[in-house]
Protein backbone atom coordinates (compact mmCIF):
# COMPACT_ATOMS: atom_id res chain seq x y z
CA UNK A 1 -11.93 9.44 -4.87
CA UNK A 2 -8.95 9.40 -2.52
CA UNK A 3 -9.91 12.52 -0.57
CA UNK A 4 -9.98 12.99 3.19
CA UNK A 5 -12.01 15.60 5.00
CA UNK A 6 -10.26 18.67 6.34
CA UNK A 7 -11.15 21.39 8.80
CA UNK A 8 -14.42 23.11 7.85
CA UNK A 9 -13.87 26.85 7.25
CA UNK A 10 -15.65 29.26 9.54
CA UNK A 11 -17.70 32.21 8.30
CA UNK A 12 -15.37 34.79 6.81
CA UNK A 13 -12.42 32.42 6.40
CA UNK A 14 -12.46 31.97 2.62
CA UNK A 15 -13.73 35.43 1.76
CA UNK A 16 -15.43 38.37 3.41
CA UNK A 17 -18.81 36.97 2.32
CA UNK A 18 -18.22 33.23 2.85
CA UNK A 19 -20.64 31.52 5.21
CA UNK A 20 -20.00 28.67 7.63
CA UNK A 21 -20.82 25.16 6.46
CA UNK A 22 -18.53 24.71 3.47
CA UNK A 23 -16.54 21.50 3.29
CA UNK A 24 -12.88 21.08 2.36
CA UNK A 25 -11.47 17.76 1.10
CA UNK A 26 -7.87 17.04 0.18
CA UNK A 27 -5.35 14.57 -1.19
CA UNK A 28 -1.58 14.69 -0.74
CA UNK A 29 1.47 13.17 -2.44
CA UNK A 30 5.11 12.67 -1.39
CA UNK A 31 8.29 12.38 -3.41
CA UNK A 32 10.48 9.29 -3.12
CA UNK A 33 12.41 10.55 -0.07
CA UNK A 34 9.28 11.13 1.97
CA UNK A 35 7.35 8.15 0.65
CA UNK A 36 10.15 5.80 1.72
CA UNK A 37 9.58 6.85 5.33
CA UNK A 38 5.89 5.98 5.04
CA UNK A 39 6.81 2.67 3.42
CA UNK A 40 9.01 1.72 6.36
CA UNK A 41 6.39 2.71 8.93
CA UNK A 42 3.60 0.81 7.16
CA UNK A 43 5.60 -2.24 6.10
CA UNK A 44 2.88 -4.04 8.07
CA UNK A 45 -0.16 -2.00 6.93
CA UNK A 46 -2.30 -2.74 10.01
CA UNK A 47 0.54 -2.52 12.50
CA UNK A 48 2.47 0.70 11.80
CA UNK A 49 5.84 1.05 13.48
CA UNK A 50 6.63 4.61 14.51
CA UNK A 51 10.22 5.35 15.57
CA UNK A 52 10.52 7.31 18.80
CA UNK A 53 12.35 10.12 17.04
CA UNK A 54 11.05 10.20 13.48
CA UNK A 55 12.95 12.38 11.00
CA UNK A 56 12.29 12.86 7.32
CA UNK A 57 15.43 13.13 5.16
CA UNK A 58 16.45 16.43 3.60
CA UNK A 59 14.75 17.10 0.25
CA UNK A 60 11.54 15.37 1.33
CA UNK A 61 8.74 17.16 -0.49
CA UNK A 62 4.98 16.89 -0.41
CA UNK A 63 2.17 18.56 -2.31
CA UNK A 64 -1.46 18.68 -1.27
CA UNK A 65 -4.52 19.65 -3.30
CA UNK A 66 -7.51 21.02 -1.37
CA UNK A 67 -11.00 21.22 -2.81
CA UNK A 68 -14.18 22.87 -1.51
CA UNK A 69 -17.90 22.94 -2.14
CA UNK A 70 -18.09 26.63 -1.18
CA UNK A 71 -20.35 28.72 -3.39
CA UNK A 72 -18.68 30.85 -6.04
CA UNK A 73 -21.24 33.54 -5.23
CA UNK A 74 -19.56 33.82 -1.83
CA UNK A 75 -15.97 32.99 -2.89
CA UNK A 76 -15.74 34.73 -6.23
CA UNK A 77 -12.09 33.94 -6.95
CA UNK A 78 -13.09 30.26 -7.31
CA UNK A 79 -15.40 30.89 -10.27
CA UNK A 80 -14.50 28.52 -13.14
CA UNK A 81 -11.92 26.71 -10.99
CA UNK A 82 -11.12 23.09 -11.97
CA UNK A 83 -13.79 20.73 -10.66
CA UNK A 84 -13.59 17.24 -9.19
CA UNK A 85 -16.43 14.83 -8.55
CA UNK A 86 -16.18 12.96 -5.26
CA UNK A 87 -18.31 11.17 -2.69
CA UNK A 88 -18.57 13.71 0.12
CA UNK A 89 -20.89 14.59 2.96
CA UNK A 90 -24.25 16.35 2.49
CA UNK A 91 -24.21 20.16 2.18
CA UNK A 92 -23.64 22.05 5.41
CA UNK A 93 -21.91 19.28 7.35
CA UNK A 94 -18.72 21.39 7.64
CA UNK A 95 -16.10 19.60 9.81
CA UNK A 96 -18.27 16.75 11.06
CA UNK A 97 -17.40 13.51 9.28
CA UNK A 98 -20.39 11.32 8.47
CA UNK A 99 -20.55 7.58 7.69
CA UNK A 100 -19.62 6.69 4.14
CA UNK A 101 -23.12 5.44 3.35
CA UNK A 102 -24.46 8.97 3.91
CA UNK A 103 -22.21 10.53 1.29
CA UNK A 104 -23.26 11.51 -2.21
CA UNK A 105 -21.35 12.38 -5.36
CA UNK A 106 -20.98 16.13 -5.55
CA UNK A 107 -18.78 18.66 -7.32
CA UNK A 108 -15.79 20.23 -5.60
CA UNK A 109 -13.64 23.10 -6.86
CA UNK A 110 -9.90 23.40 -6.49
CA UNK A 111 -9.23 25.92 -3.72
CA UNK A 112 -5.68 25.63 -2.50
CA UNK A 113 -2.39 23.83 -3.11
CA UNK A 114 0.07 23.36 -0.24
CA UNK A 115 3.74 22.45 -0.49
CA UNK A 116 6.20 21.36 2.20
CA UNK A 117 9.94 20.82 1.70
CA UNK A 118 12.52 19.54 4.20
CA UNK A 119 15.39 21.97 3.60
CA UNK A 120 18.57 22.20 5.68
CA UNK A 121 18.78 25.90 4.84
CA UNK A 122 15.74 26.43 7.04
CA UNK A 123 17.83 26.58 10.19
CA UNK A 124 15.06 27.23 12.73
CA UNK A 125 12.64 24.44 11.83
CA UNK A 126 14.14 22.40 9.00
CA UNK A 127 11.03 22.93 6.87
CA UNK A 128 9.64 25.41 4.34
CA UNK A 129 5.87 25.52 3.86
CA UNK A 130 4.10 27.32 1.03
CA UNK A 131 0.53 27.83 -0.13
CA UNK A 132 -1.08 28.70 -3.46
CA UNK A 133 -4.70 29.63 -4.19
CA UNK A 134 -6.61 29.13 -7.43
CA UNK A 135 -7.67 32.56 -8.64
CA UNK A 136 -9.91 33.09 -11.65
CA UNK A 137 -10.65 33.91 -14.37
CA UNK A 138 -8.98 30.96 -16.12
CA UNK A 139 -5.84 31.63 -18.14
CA UNK A 140 -3.04 29.66 -19.79
CA UNK A 141 -3.30 25.98 -18.85
CA UNK A 142 -6.21 26.87 -16.52
CA UNK A 143 -4.55 25.03 -13.66
CA UNK A 144 -1.00 25.90 -12.67
CA UNK A 145 -1.15 29.26 -14.46
CA UNK A 146 -3.99 30.21 -12.12
CA UNK A 147 -2.25 29.13 -8.91
CA UNK A 148 -1.21 32.35 -7.20
CA UNK A 149 1.30 32.20 -4.32
CA UNK A 150 -0.36 33.13 -1.03
CA UNK A 151 2.44 32.67 1.48
CA UNK A 152 5.77 31.09 2.31
CA UNK A 153 7.02 30.24 5.80
CA UNK A 154 10.26 28.91 7.27
CA UNK A 155 9.76 29.86 10.93
CA UNK A 156 7.09 30.84 13.44
CA UNK A 157 8.58 34.14 14.63
CA UNK A 158 8.57 33.16 18.31
CA UNK A 159 8.39 36.12 20.65
CA UNK A 160 6.84 38.38 18.00
CA UNK A 161 3.58 39.81 19.24
CA UNK A 162 2.69 42.33 16.53
CA UNK A 163 2.02 42.14 12.80
CA UNK A 164 4.77 44.60 11.87
CA UNK A 165 7.78 42.52 12.95
CA UNK A 166 7.20 39.19 11.19
CA UNK A 167 10.42 38.06 9.50
CA UNK A 168 10.00 34.30 8.98
CA UNK A 169 6.90 34.46 6.77
CA UNK A 170 6.13 36.06 3.44
CA UNK A 171 2.51 36.86 2.53
CA UNK A 172 1.41 38.07 -0.92
CA UNK A 173 0.19 41.64 -0.39
CA UNK A 174 -1.60 41.53 -3.77
CA UNK A 175 -4.18 39.18 -2.20
CA UNK A 176 -5.32 41.69 0.41
CA UNK A 177 -9.07 41.97 -0.01
CA UNK A 178 -9.15 38.61 -1.80
CA UNK A 179 -7.96 35.99 0.72
CA UNK A 180 -7.52 38.29 3.75
CA UNK A 181 -8.01 41.84 4.90
CA UNK A 182 -11.42 42.01 6.60
CA UNK A 183 -12.68 41.91 10.17
CA UNK A 184 -12.84 38.13 10.61
CA UNK A 185 -9.62 37.55 8.68
CA UNK A 186 -7.35 40.58 9.08
CA UNK A 187 -4.31 38.51 8.01
CA UNK A 188 -3.64 35.08 6.49
CA UNK A 189 -2.16 33.54 9.63
CA UNK A 190 -1.96 34.82 13.19
CA UNK A 191 -0.60 38.38 13.35
CA UNK A 192 0.68 38.29 9.77
CA UNK A 193 2.16 34.80 9.68
CA UNK A 194 1.80 32.52 6.66
CA UNK A 195 -1.32 30.43 6.10
CA UNK A 196 -3.78 29.36 3.42
CA UNK A 197 -7.41 30.38 2.83
CA UNK A 198 -8.73 27.03 4.17
CA UNK A 199 -6.64 27.33 7.33
CA UNK A 200 -7.33 28.76 10.77
CA UNK A 201 -6.41 32.44 11.09
CA UNK A 202 -5.40 31.80 14.72
CA UNK A 203 -2.60 29.53 13.55
CA UNK A 204 0.02 29.29 10.80
CA UNK A 205 1.22 26.56 8.45
CA UNK A 206 4.23 25.63 10.57
CA UNK A 207 2.54 26.21 13.92
CA UNK A 208 -0.10 23.58 13.30
CA UNK A 209 2.25 20.97 11.86
CA UNK A 210 4.89 21.50 14.53
CA UNK A 211 2.42 20.03 17.04
CA UNK A 212 2.50 16.64 15.26
CA UNK A 213 3.19 13.89 17.79
CA UNK A 214 1.69 10.62 18.94
CA UNK A 215 -0.35 10.81 21.02
CA UNK A 216 -1.52 14.33 20.35
CA UNK A 217 -0.86 16.85 23.12
CA UNK A 218 -3.75 17.54 25.47
CA UNK A 219 -4.11 21.10 24.15
CA UNK A 220 -4.53 19.88 20.57
CA UNK A 221 -3.10 21.46 17.43
CA UNK A 222 -3.87 25.13 17.73
CA UNK A 223 -5.30 27.72 20.07
CA UNK A 224 -8.73 27.69 18.49
CA UNK A 225 -10.24 29.35 21.55
CA UNK A 226 -8.39 32.62 20.93
CA UNK A 227 -10.91 35.39 20.26
CA UNK A 228 -9.79 37.38 17.22
CA UNK A 229 -11.61 40.40 18.63
CA UNK A 230 -8.95 40.50 21.38
CA UNK A 231 -5.94 41.26 19.18
CA UNK A 232 -5.43 44.43 21.19
CA UNK A 233 -5.11 42.41 24.43
CA UNK A 234 -1.32 42.24 24.67
CA UNK A 235 -1.27 39.60 27.40
CA UNK A 236 -3.69 37.32 25.55
CA UNK A 237 -1.65 37.65 22.36
CA UNK A 238 1.57 36.93 24.27
CA UNK A 239 0.14 33.77 25.85
CA UNK A 240 -1.10 32.58 22.48
CA UNK A 241 2.20 33.22 20.68
CA UNK A 242 4.34 31.76 23.44
CA UNK A 243 2.30 28.55 23.42
CA UNK A 244 1.79 27.97 19.72
CA UNK A 245 4.52 29.74 17.78
CA UNK A 246 7.79 28.07 18.70
CA UNK A 247 10.47 26.98 16.25
CA UNK A 248 10.54 23.24 16.80
CA UNK A 249 13.23 21.24 15.01
CA UNK A 250 13.14 17.64 13.83
CA UNK A 251 13.29 15.37 16.84
CA UNK A 252 12.02 17.99 19.27
CA UNK A 253 8.69 17.40 20.95
CA UNK A 254 5.80 19.82 21.13
CA UNK A 255 4.72 20.10 24.78
CA UNK A 256 7.74 18.12 26.06
CA UNK A 257 6.35 17.83 29.61
CA UNK A 258 3.72 15.40 28.25
CA UNK A 259 5.07 11.91 27.48
CA UNK A 260 4.82 10.78 23.85
CA UNK A 261 5.45 7.55 21.99
CA UNK A 262 6.86 9.38 18.95
CA UNK A 263 7.80 12.76 17.58
CA UNK A 264 6.51 13.07 14.01
CA UNK A 265 8.61 15.80 12.35
CA UNK A 266 5.71 18.02 11.24
CA UNK A 267 3.67 15.14 9.76
CA UNK A 268 0.01 15.45 10.67
CA UNK A 269 -0.63 12.69 8.12
CA UNK A 270 1.20 10.21 10.35
CA UNK A 271 -0.56 11.46 13.45
CA UNK A 272 -3.94 11.06 11.77
CA UNK A 273 -3.02 7.63 10.39
CA UNK A 274 -2.04 6.30 13.82
CA UNK A 275 -5.22 7.74 15.33
CA UNK A 276 -7.43 6.13 12.69
CA UNK A 277 -5.76 2.73 12.98
CA UNK A 278 -6.32 2.75 16.74
CA UNK A 279 -9.87 4.06 16.37
CA UNK A 280 -10.63 1.22 13.96
CA UNK A 281 -9.18 -1.30 16.41
CA UNK A 282 -11.28 0.07 19.27
CA UNK A 283 -14.40 0.16 17.09
CA UNK A 284 -13.99 -3.43 15.95
CA UNK A 285 -13.43 -2.49 12.30
CA UNK A 286 -9.86 -3.82 12.57
CA UNK A 287 -9.48 -7.37 13.86
CA UNK A 288 -6.61 -9.32 15.31
CA UNK A 289 -3.84 -8.22 17.69
CA UNK A 290 -3.91 -4.59 18.81
CA UNK A 291 -1.35 -2.55 16.81
CA UNK A 292 1.72 -1.74 18.88
CA UNK A 293 1.29 2.00 18.38
CA UNK A 294 -2.13 1.86 20.06
CA UNK A 295 -0.67 0.28 23.18
CA UNK A 296 2.44 2.45 23.35
CA UNK A 297 0.35 5.63 23.16
CA UNK A 298 -2.22 4.36 25.65
CA UNK A 299 -5.02 4.76 23.09
CA UNK A 300 -6.15 1.14 23.39
CA UNK A 301 -4.44 -1.31 25.75
CA UNK A 302 -6.28 -4.59 25.22
CA UNK A 303 -4.25 -7.33 23.53
CA UNK A 304 -6.80 -7.72 20.73
CA UNK A 305 -9.01 -5.29 18.85
CA UNK A 306 -12.64 -5.08 19.91
CA UNK A 307 -15.20 -7.57 18.75
CA UNK A 308 -18.42 -6.14 17.26
CA UNK A 309 -20.40 -6.65 20.47
CA UNK A 310 -17.89 -4.70 22.62
CA UNK A 311 -16.89 -2.08 20.06
CA UNK A 312 -16.95 1.64 20.65
CA UNK A 313 -20.30 3.06 19.49
CA UNK A 314 -20.05 4.35 15.93
CA UNK A 315 -21.53 7.75 16.82
CA UNK A 316 -18.91 8.31 19.54
CA UNK A 317 -16.13 7.18 17.19
CA UNK A 318 -17.20 9.60 14.48
CA UNK A 319 -17.43 12.46 16.95
CA UNK A 320 -13.90 11.71 18.13
CA UNK A 321 -12.43 11.83 14.64
CA UNK A 322 -12.13 15.57 14.29
CA UNK A 323 -10.10 16.59 11.22
CA UNK A 324 -6.42 16.99 12.13
CA UNK A 325 -5.93 20.21 10.26
CA UNK A 326 -5.43 23.85 11.25
């Protein structure tokens, strides 16, 4: 049904009582300005052409709908949320992506809506990211009238190591106790930065997307190893903030000491697309000449994609395809 699998929430991410094992699936859309960039890159669908210094034009906008199979007994604000039937993985598979033939049609509920706008008034990063959550009971049109703003972010507050000095994020205080405000999720994003319920509390909307590049940096997309029980460890917090919460502008590269084939201007969609194309080539699911992006990034250097008898084992491929989200 057009959905791709996202990061699986951990226990306590979606609500104080939410357990681990819920799945999140999403679909995103771009306006004409942003879609034109994708059209240029994928003018040859199986041989994407990424510019070295990719930049989306001002006024690019995207919107993303995220759905979950989390129980409404555990996440009570999702009761009576709009539902969507889709072929997804069996219950409890969380972030692991399984082969399509193991999926079944199940019901998902609307959880979160993300927006991203390229805005030249956002001087530090060039982007503004916002998140809404569906909060019941139903009212009005029972869709947009129930979408409550969670947060808005235009910068990562680099060098800010406490939750009292955040100036480049806004978080809806009315949602304390609903989407944040308990031991495992004391704030929406790290130390009071903006984020959504489905997203990693150790990160922020902009922090994760600012790491978009091809190939991905060796340290990944976020500091998922940070222990949230160590928020009082000033040195640990400082290391985490200094690494992950920089204001990166269009054309700048996350982790610039590591060579990259392309900067991706906050687009994790493009990073994931390039990764999947190259994974398919290595696995033998894509035939013909190896896409140029696979060779330029060093992902797969043979002149032609694998044949079935030399392909990467399916199990290893699936394990390597971790969701590219926060």
